[in-house]
Amino acid sequence: MDTITVCMGSSCFGKGNSSNADFITRFIEEHNLSESVEVSGCLCSNACAQGPNIKINDKLISGISEQTLADIIVKELGLQL
């Protein structure tokens, strides 16, 4: 199972990870990936200055936004949509 971990520390949260988490959840549901992708949160990914941050299968990805998330998820999970 693939994992996406959304940093919800105060810095990343303040930089938009609350709405990014909502986007990720909707993306997973809309593409019927709930059985193969687990989404969770963490308190801090220790890269506050580069945030907002997520991890996909333990790979840290920084500076994300709703505009870039779909492409990042597709690429990192190797999806064919």
PDB file of N, CA and C in Angstrom:
ATOM      1  N   MET A   1       0.831  -1.182   0.000  1.00  0.00           N
ATOM      2  CA  MET A   1       0.000   0.000   0.000  1.00  0.00           C
ATOM      3  C   MET A   1       0.876   1.246   0.000  1.00  0.00           C
ATOM      4  N   ASP A   2       0.514   2.207  -0.839  1.00  0.00           N
ATOM      5  CA  ASP A   2       1.209   3.488  -0.870  1.00  0.00           C
ATOM      6  C   ASP A   2       0.697   4.360   0.272  1.00  0.00           C
ATOM      7  N   THR A   3       1.546   5.292   0.714  1.00  0.00           N
ATOM      8  CA  THR A   3       1.147   6.199   1.781  1.00  0.00           C
ATOM      9  C   THR A   3       1.440   7.641   1.392  1.00  0.00           C
ATOM     10  N   ILE A   4       0.537   8.518   1.790  1.00  0.00           N
ATOM     11  CA  ILE A   4       0.737   9.958   1.671  1.00  0.00           C
ATOM     12  C   ILE A   4       0.564  10.522   3.064  1.00  0.00           C
ATOM     13  N   THR A   5       1.603  11.189   3.555  1.00  0.00           N
ATOM     14  CA  THR A   5       1.566  11.779   4.883  1.00  0.00           C
ATOM     15  C   THR A   5       1.647  13.293   4.729  1.00  0.00           C
ATOM     16  N   VAL A   6       0.663  13.964   5.287  1.00  0.00           N
ATOM     17  CA  VAL A   6       0.560  15.418   5.184  1.00  0.00           C
ATOM     18  C   VAL A   6       1.058  16.030   6.485  1.00  0.00           C
ATOM     19  N   CYS A   7       2.036  16.914   6.392  1.00  0.00           N
ATOM     20  CA  CYS A   7       2.538  17.595   7.574  1.00  0.00           C
ATOM     21  C   CYS A   7       1.483  18.590   8.041  1.00  0.00           C
ATOM     22  N   MET A   8       1.102  18.481   9.310  1.00  0.00           N
ATOM     23  CA  MET A   8       0.110  19.381   9.879  1.00  0.00           C
ATOM     24  C   MET A   8       0.716  20.229  10.999  1.00  0.00           C
ATOM     25  N   GLY A   9       2.047  20.330  11.020  1.00  0.00           N
ATOM     26  CA  GLY A   9       2.708  21.227  11.959  1.00  0.00           C
ATOM     27  C   GLY A   9       2.274  22.656  11.691  1.00  0.00           C
ATOM     28  N   SER A  10       2.474  23.530  12.651  1.00  0.00           N
ATOM     29  CA  SER A  10       1.938  24.892  12.542  1.00  0.00           C
ATOM     30  C   SER A  10       2.449  25.628  11.304  1.00  0.00           C
ATOM     31  N   SER A  11       3.691  25.445  10.927  1.00  0.00           N
ATOM     32  CA  SER A  11       4.229  26.138   9.761  1.00  0.00           C
ATOM     33  C   SER A  11       3.560  25.645   8.475  1.00  0.00           C
ATOM     34  N   CYS A  12       3.534  24.343   8.266  1.00  0.00           N
ATOM     35  CA  CYS A  12       2.919  23.790   7.058  1.00  0.00           C
ATOM     36  C   CYS A  12       1.415  24.036   7.039  1.00  0.00           C
ATOM     37  N   PHE A  13       0.774  23.909   8.191  1.00  0.00           N
ATOM     38  CA  PHE A  13      -0.658  24.168   8.288  1.00  0.00           C
ATOM     39  C   PHE A  13      -0.941  25.610   7.877  1.00  0.00           C
ATOM     40  N   GLY A  14      -0.133  26.537   8.383  1.00  0.00           N
ATOM     41  CA  GLY A  14      -0.302  27.946   8.064  1.00  0.00           C
ATOM     42  C   GLY A  14      -0.001  28.280   6.612  1.00  0.00           C
ATOM     43  N   LYS A  15       0.798  27.444   5.967  1.00  0.00           N
ATOM     44  CA  LYS A  15       1.153  27.668   4.560  1.00  0.00           C
ATOM     45  C   LYS A  15       0.203  26.967   3.596  1.00  0.00           C
ATOM     46  N   GLY A  16      -0.850  26.329   4.125  1.00  0.00           N
ATOM     47  CA  GLY A  16      -1.870  25.773   3.233  1.00  0.00           C
ATOM     48  C   GLY A  16      -2.092  24.283   3.278  1.00  0.00           C
ATOM     49  N   ASN A  17      -1.437  23.564   4.183  1.00  0.00           N
ATOM     50  CA  ASN A  17      -1.616  22.113   4.161  1.00  0.00           C
ATOM     51  C   ASN A  17      -2.991  21.657   4.632  1.00  0.00           C
ATOM     52  N   SER A  18      -3.751  22.513   5.256  1.00  0.00           N
ATOM     53  CA  SER A  18      -5.122  22.138   5.593  1.00  0.00           C
ATOM     54  C   SER A  18      -5.924  21.925   4.309  1.00  0.00           C
ATOM     55  N   SER A  19      -5.867  22.880   3.400  1.00  0.00           N
ATOM     56  CA  SER A  19      -6.588  22.723   2.129  1.00  0.00           C
ATOM     57  C   SER A  19      -5.918  21.672   1.240  1.00  0.00           C
ATOM     58  N   ASN A  20      -4.594  21.538   1.327  1.00  0.00           N
ATOM     59  CA  ASN A  20      -3.907  20.487   0.567  1.00  0.00           C
ATOM     60  C   ASN A  20      -4.366  19.104   1.022  1.00  0.00           C
ATOM     61  N   ALA A  21      -4.554  18.927   2.327  1.00  0.00           N
ATOM     62  CA  ALA A  21      -5.030  17.639   2.853  1.00  0.00           C
ATOM     63  C   ALA A  21      -6.422  17.341   2.320  1.00  0.00           C
ATOM     64  N   ASP A  22      -7.281  18.346   2.278  1.00  0.00           N
ATOM     65  CA  ASP A  22      -8.623  18.160   1.724  1.00  0.00           C
ATOM     66  C   ASP A  22      -8.540  17.762   0.247  1.00  0.00           C
ATOM     67  N   PHE A  23      -7.662  18.428  -0.503  1.00  0.00           N
ATOM     68  CA  PHE A  23      -7.495  18.115  -1.919  1.00  0.00           C
ATOM     69  C   PHE A  23      -7.035  16.666  -2.098  1.00  0.00           C
ATOM     70  N   ILE A  24      -6.053  16.253  -1.321  1.00  0.00           N
ATOM     71  CA  ILE A  24      -5.523  14.886  -1.428  1.00  0.00           C
ATOM     72  C   ILE A  24      -6.621  13.873  -1.141  1.00  0.00           C
ATOM     73  N   THR A  25      -7.395  14.110  -0.092  1.00  0.00           N
ATOM     74  CA  THR A  25      -8.480  13.194   0.266  1.00  0.00           C
ATOM     75  C   THR A  25      -9.495  13.088  -0.869  1.00  0.00           C
ATOM     76  N   ARG A  26      -9.884  14.231  -1.432  1.00  0.00           N
ATOM     77  CA  ARG A  26     -10.833  14.225  -2.559  1.00  0.00           C
ATOM     78  C   ARG A  26     -10.240  13.505  -3.771  1.00  0.00           C
ATOM     79  N   PHE A  27      -8.969  13.763  -4.072  1.00  0.00           N
ATOM     80  CA  PHE A  27      -8.301  13.136  -5.210  1.00  0.00           C
ATOM     81  C   PHE A  27      -8.314  11.614  -5.063  1.00  0.00           C
ATOM     82  N   ILE A  28      -7.963  11.136  -3.893  1.00  0.00           N
ATOM     83  CA  ILE A  28      -7.930   9.690  -3.636  1.00  0.00           C
ATOM     84  C   ILE A  28      -9.317   9.081  -3.815  1.00  0.00           C
ATOM     85  N   GLU A  29     -10.333   9.742  -3.267  1.00  0.00           N
ATOM     86  CA  GLU A  29     -11.706   9.241  -3.388  1.00  0.00           C
ATOM     87  C   GLU A  29     -12.200   9.288  -4.827  1.00  0.00           C
ATOM     88  N   GLU A  30     -11.974  10.410  -5.518  1.00  0.00           N
ATOM     89  CA  GLU A  30     -12.464  10.570  -6.888  1.00  0.00           C
ATOM     90  C   GLU A  30     -11.829   9.592  -7.873  1.00  0.00           C
ATOM     91  N   HIS A  31     -10.618   9.134  -7.573  1.00  0.00           N
ATOM     92  CA  HIS A  31      -9.931   8.206  -8.463  1.00  0.00           C
ATOM     93  C   HIS A  31      -9.940   6.775  -7.928  1.00  0.00           C
ATOM     94  N   ASN A  32     -10.820   6.520  -6.961  1.00  0.00           N
ATOM     95  CA  ASN A  32     -11.018   5.172  -6.407  1.00  0.00           C
ATOM     96  C   ASN A  32      -9.706   4.531  -5.957  1.00  0.00           C
ATOM     97  N   LEU A  33      -8.903   5.299  -5.217  1.00  0.00           N
ATOM     98  CA  LEU A  33      -7.605   4.809  -4.759  1.00  0.00           C
ATOM     99  C   LEU A  33      -7.582   4.471  -3.272  1.00  0.00           C
ATOM    100  N   SER A  34      -8.741   4.516  -2.630  1.00  0.00           N
ATOM    101  CA  SER A  34      -8.811   4.305  -1.184  1.00  0.00           C
ATOM    102  C   SER A  34      -8.283   2.942  -0.739  1.00  0.00           C
ATOM    103  N   GLU A  35      -8.385   1.960  -1.602  1.00  0.00           N
ATOM    104  CA  GLU A  35      -7.918   0.618  -1.255  1.00  0.00           C
ATOM    105  C   GLU A  35      -6.401   0.475  -1.373  1.00  0.00           C
ATOM    106  N   SER A  36      -5.760   1.380  -2.124  1.00  0.00           N
ATOM    107  CA  SER A  36      -4.332   1.230  -2.358  1.00  0.00           C
ATOM    108  C   SER A  36      -3.476   2.380  -1.824  1.00  0.00           C
ATOM    109  N   VAL A  37      -4.122   3.448  -1.345  1.00  0.00           N
ATOM    110  CA  VAL A  37      -3.379   4.607  -0.841  1.00  0.00           C
ATOM    111  C   VAL A  37      -3.928   4.998   0.532  1.00  0.00           C
ATOM    112  N   GLU A  38      -3.048   5.045   1.510  1.00  0.00           N
ATOM    113  CA  GLU A  38      -3.418   5.470   2.853  1.00  0.00           C
ATOM    114  C   GLU A  38      -2.952   6.913   3.047  1.00  0.00           C
ATOM    115  N   VAL A  39      -3.860   7.772   3.521  1.00  0.00           N
ATOM    116  CA  VAL A  39      -3.539   9.168   3.775  1.00  0.00           C
ATOM    117  C   VAL A  39      -3.568   9.395   5.281  1.00  0.00           C
ATOM    118  N   SER A  40      -2.509  10.025   5.792  1.00  0.00           N
ATOM    119  CA  SER A  40      -2.446  10.332   7.219  1.00  0.00           C
ATOM    120  C   SER A  40      -1.762  11.675   7.412  1.00  0.00           C
ATOM    121  N   GLY A  41      -1.731  12.137   8.644  1.00  0.00           N
ATOM    122  CA  GLY A  41      -1.071  13.384   8.976  1.00  0.00           C
ATOM    123  C   GLY A  41       0.054  13.145   9.957  1.00  0.00           C
ATOM    124  N   CYS A  42       0.943  14.105  10.062  1.00  0.00           N
ATOM    125  CA  CYS A  42       2.011  14.051  11.057  1.00  0.00           C
ATOM    126  C   CYS A  42       2.159  15.442  11.666  1.00  0.00           C
ATOM    127  N   LEU A  43       2.792  15.517  12.813  1.00  0.00           N
ATOM    128  CA  LEU A  43       2.923  16.799  13.497  1.00  0.00           C
ATOM    129  C   LEU A  43       3.995  17.694  12.897  1.00  0.00           C
ATOM    130  N   CYS A  44       5.074  17.123  12.401  1.00  0.00           N
ATOM    131  CA  CYS A  44       6.128  17.932  11.793  1.00  0.00           C
ATOM    132  C   CYS A  44       7.030  17.032  10.957  1.00  0.00           C
ATOM    133  N   SER A  45       7.383  17.522   9.770  1.00  0.00           N
ATOM    134  CA  SER A  45       8.286  16.750   8.912  1.00  0.00           C
ATOM    135  C   SER A  45       9.700  17.320   8.948  1.00  0.00           C
ATOM    136  N   ASN A  46       9.933  18.280   9.833  1.00  0.00           N
ATOM    137  CA  ASN A  46      11.265  18.856  10.069  1.00  0.00           C
ATOM    138  C   ASN A  46      11.874  19.528   8.846  1.00  0.00           C
ATOM    139  N   ALA A  47      11.023  20.127   8.039  1.00  0.00           N
ATOM    140  CA  ALA A  47      11.491  20.904   6.885  1.00  0.00           C
ATOM    141  C   ALA A  47      10.615  22.153   6.766  1.00  0.00           C
ATOM    142  N   CYS A  48      10.407  22.801   7.887  1.00  0.00           N
ATOM    143  CA  CYS A  48       9.445  23.910   7.979  1.00  0.00           C
ATOM    144  C   CYS A  48       9.707  25.019   6.964  1.00  0.00           C
ATOM    145  N   ALA A  49      10.937  25.386   6.770  1.00  0.00           N
ATOM    146  CA  ALA A  49      11.260  26.492   5.871  1.00  0.00           C
ATOM    147  C   ALA A  49      10.900  26.186   4.418  1.00  0.00           C
ATOM    148  N   GLN A  50      10.873  24.913   4.049  1.00  0.00           N
ATOM    149  CA  GLN A  50      10.577  24.528   2.672  1.00  0.00           C
ATOM    150  C   GLN A  50       9.095  24.224   2.452  1.00  0.00           C
ATOM    151  N   GLY A  51       8.288  24.231   3.490  1.00  0.00           N
ATOM    152  CA  GLY A  51       6.902  23.801   3.439  1.00  0.00           C
ATOM    153  C   GLY A  51       6.017  24.663   2.568  1.00  0.00           C
ATOM    154  N   PRO A  52       4.817  24.194   2.366  1.00  0.00           N
ATOM    155  CA  PRO A  52       4.207  23.046   3.006  1.00  0.00           C
ATOM    156  C   PRO A  52       4.753  21.728   2.444  1.00  0.00           C
ATOM    157  N   ASN A  53       4.779  20.723   3.313  1.00  0.00           N
ATOM    158  CA  ASN A  53       5.411  19.448   2.985  1.00  0.00           C
ATOM    159  C   ASN A  53       4.433  18.283   3.057  1.00  0.00           C
ATOM    160  N   ILE A  54       4.675  17.299   2.206  1.00  0.00           N
ATOM    161  CA  ILE A  54       4.033  16.000   2.309  1.00  0.00           C
ATOM    162  C   ILE A  54       5.112  14.943   2.095  1.00  0.00           C
ATOM    163  N   LYS A  55       4.803  13.726   2.489  1.00  0.00           N
ATOM    164  CA  LYS A  55       5.650  12.581   2.156  1.00  0.00           C
ATOM    165  C   LYS A  55       4.796  11.599   1.376  1.00  0.00           C
ATOM    166  N   ILE A  56       5.354  11.113   0.294  1.00  0.00           N
ATOM    167  CA  ILE A  56       4.722  10.036  -0.452  1.00  0.00           C
ATOM    168  C   ILE A  56       5.682   8.864  -0.397  1.00  0.00           C
ATOM    169  N   ASN A  57       5.239   7.809   0.256  1.00  0.00           N
ATOM    170  CA  ASN A  57       6.087   6.632   0.459  1.00  0.00           C
ATOM    171  C   ASN A  57       7.457   7.030   1.008  1.00  0.00           C
ATOM    172  N   ASP A  58       7.474   7.858   2.022  1.00  0.00           N
ATOM    173  CA  ASP A  58       8.675   8.315   2.729  1.00  0.00           C
ATOM    174  C   ASP A  58       9.558   9.273   1.936  1.00  0.00           C
ATOM    175  N   LYS A  59       9.139   9.701   0.763  1.00  0.00           N
ATOM    176  CA  LYS A  59       9.878  10.719   0.006  1.00  0.00           C
ATOM    177  C   LYS A  59       9.286  12.081   0.351  1.00  0.00           C
ATOM    178  N   LEU A  60      10.104  12.958   0.927  1.00  0.00           N
ATOM    179  CA  LEU A  60       9.656  14.287   1.299  1.00  0.00           C
ATOM    180  C   LEU A  60       9.531  15.165   0.056  1.00  0.00           C
ATOM    181  N   ILE A  61       8.387  15.814  -0.074  1.00  0.00           N
ATOM    182  CA  ILE A  61       8.136  16.724  -1.187  1.00  0.00           C
ATOM    183  C   ILE A  61       7.725  18.057  -0.573  1.00  0.00           C
ATOM    184  N   SER A  62       8.449  19.104  -0.915  1.00  0.00           N
ATOM    185  CA  SER A  62       8.256  20.409  -0.294  1.00  0.00           C
ATOM    186  C   SER A  62       7.702  21.430  -1.276  1.00  0.00           C
ATOM    187  N   GLY A  63       7.123  22.488  -0.720  1.00  0.00           N
ATOM    188  CA  GLY A  63       6.634  23.588  -1.534  1.00  0.00           C
ATOM    189  C   GLY A  63       5.437  23.235  -2.384  1.00  0.00           C
ATOM    190  N   ILE A  64       4.586  22.355  -1.882  1.00  0.00           N
ATOM    191  CA  ILE A  64       3.439  21.911  -2.665  1.00  0.00           C
ATOM    192  C   ILE A  64       2.310  22.929  -2.623  1.00  0.00           C
ATOM    193  N   SER A  65       1.401  22.810  -3.563  1.00  0.00           N
ATOM    194  CA  SER A  65       0.193  23.626  -3.596  1.00  0.00           C
ATOM    195  C   SER A  65      -0.902  22.795  -4.254  1.00  0.00           C
ATOM    196  N   GLU A  66      -2.135  23.258  -4.131  1.00  0.00           N
ATOM    197  CA  GLU A  66      -3.230  22.526  -4.782  1.00  0.00           C
ATOM    198  C   GLU A  66      -3.021  22.439  -6.285  1.00  0.00           C
ATOM    199  N   GLN A  67      -2.364  23.432  -6.870  1.00  0.00           N
ATOM    200  CA  GLN A  67      -2.143  23.443  -8.318  1.00  0.00           C
ATOM    201  C   GLN A  67      -1.137  22.377  -8.754  1.00  0.00           C
ATOM    202  N   THR A  68      -0.241  21.967  -7.868  1.00  0.00           N
ATOM    203  CA  THR A  68       0.780  20.986  -8.238  1.00  0.00           C
ATOM    204  C   THR A  68       0.501  19.586  -7.703  1.00  0.00           C
ATOM    205  N   LEU A  69      -0.436  19.470  -6.773  1.00  0.00           N
ATOM    206  CA  LEU A  69      -0.636  18.190  -6.093  1.00  0.00           C
ATOM    207  C   LEU A  69      -1.042  17.038  -6.999  1.00  0.00           C
ATOM    208  N   ALA A  70      -1.979  17.261  -7.890  1.00  0.00           N
ATOM    209  CA  ALA A  70      -2.441  16.160  -8.749  1.00  0.00           C
ATOM    210  C   ALA A  70      -1.279  15.579  -9.543  1.00  0.00           C
ATOM    211  N   ASP A  71      -0.479  16.434 -10.167  1.00  0.00           N
ATOM    212  CA  ASP A  71       0.666  15.949 -10.944  1.00  0.00           C
ATOM    213  C   ASP A  71       1.672  15.221 -10.066  1.00  0.00           C
ATOM    214  N   ILE A  72       1.905  15.738  -8.873  1.00  0.00           N
ATOM    215  CA  ILE A  72       2.850  15.088  -7.944  1.00  0.00           C
ATOM    216  C   ILE A  72       2.354  13.707  -7.554  1.00  0.00           C
ATOM    217  N   ILE A  73       1.081  13.599  -7.201  1.00  0.00           N
ATOM    218  CA  ILE A  73       0.525  12.302  -6.790  1.00  0.00           C
ATOM    219  C   ILE A  73       0.607  11.307  -7.937  1.00  0.00           C
ATOM    220  N   VAL A  74       0.192  11.723  -9.124  1.00  0.00           N
ATOM    221  CA  VAL A  74       0.226  10.833 -10.294  1.00  0.00           C
ATOM    222  C   VAL A  74       1.648  10.350 -10.552  1.00  0.00           C
ATOM    223  N   LYS A  75       2.587  11.272 -10.541  1.00  0.00           N
ATOM    224  CA  LYS A  75       3.992  10.916 -10.828  1.00  0.00           C
ATOM    225  C   LYS A  75       4.560   9.991  -9.757  1.00  0.00           C
ATOM    226  N   GLU A  76       4.416  10.378  -8.501  1.00  0.00           N
ATOM    227  CA  GLU A  76       5.071   9.608  -7.423  1.00  0.00           C
ATOM    228  C   GLU A  76       4.437   8.244  -7.204  1.00  0.00           C
ATOM    229  N   LEU A  77       3.161   8.101  -7.495  1.00  0.00           N
ATOM    230  CA  LEU A  77       2.507   6.797  -7.333  1.00  0.00           C
ATOM    231  C   LEU A  77       2.501   5.990  -8.636  1.00  0.00           C
ATOM    232  N   GLY A  78       3.021   6.584  -9.703  1.00  0.00           N
ATOM    233  CA  GLY A  78       3.076   5.876 -10.983  1.00  0.00           C
ATOM    234  C   GLY A  78       1.702   5.558 -11.541  1.00  0.00           C
ATOM    235  N   LEU A  79       0.768   6.492 -11.385  1.00  0.00           N
ATOM    236  CA  LEU A  79      -0.613   6.256 -11.823  1.00  0.00           C
ATOM    237  C   LEU A  79      -0.781   6.541 -13.307  1.00  0.00           C
ATOM    238  N   GLN A  80      -1.693   5.831 -13.895  1.00  0.00           N
ATOM    239  CA  GLN A  80      -2.112   6.072 -15.270  1.00  0.00           C
ATOM    240  C   GLN A  80      -3.581   6.472 -15.220  1.00  0.00           C
ATOM    241  N   LEU A  81      -3.842   7.768 -15.243  1.00  0.00           N
ATOM    242  CA  LEU A  81      -5.242   8.240 -15.131  1.00  0.00           C
ATOM    243  C   LEU A  81      -5.794   8.667 -16.457  1.00  0.00           C
TER     244      LEU A  81
END
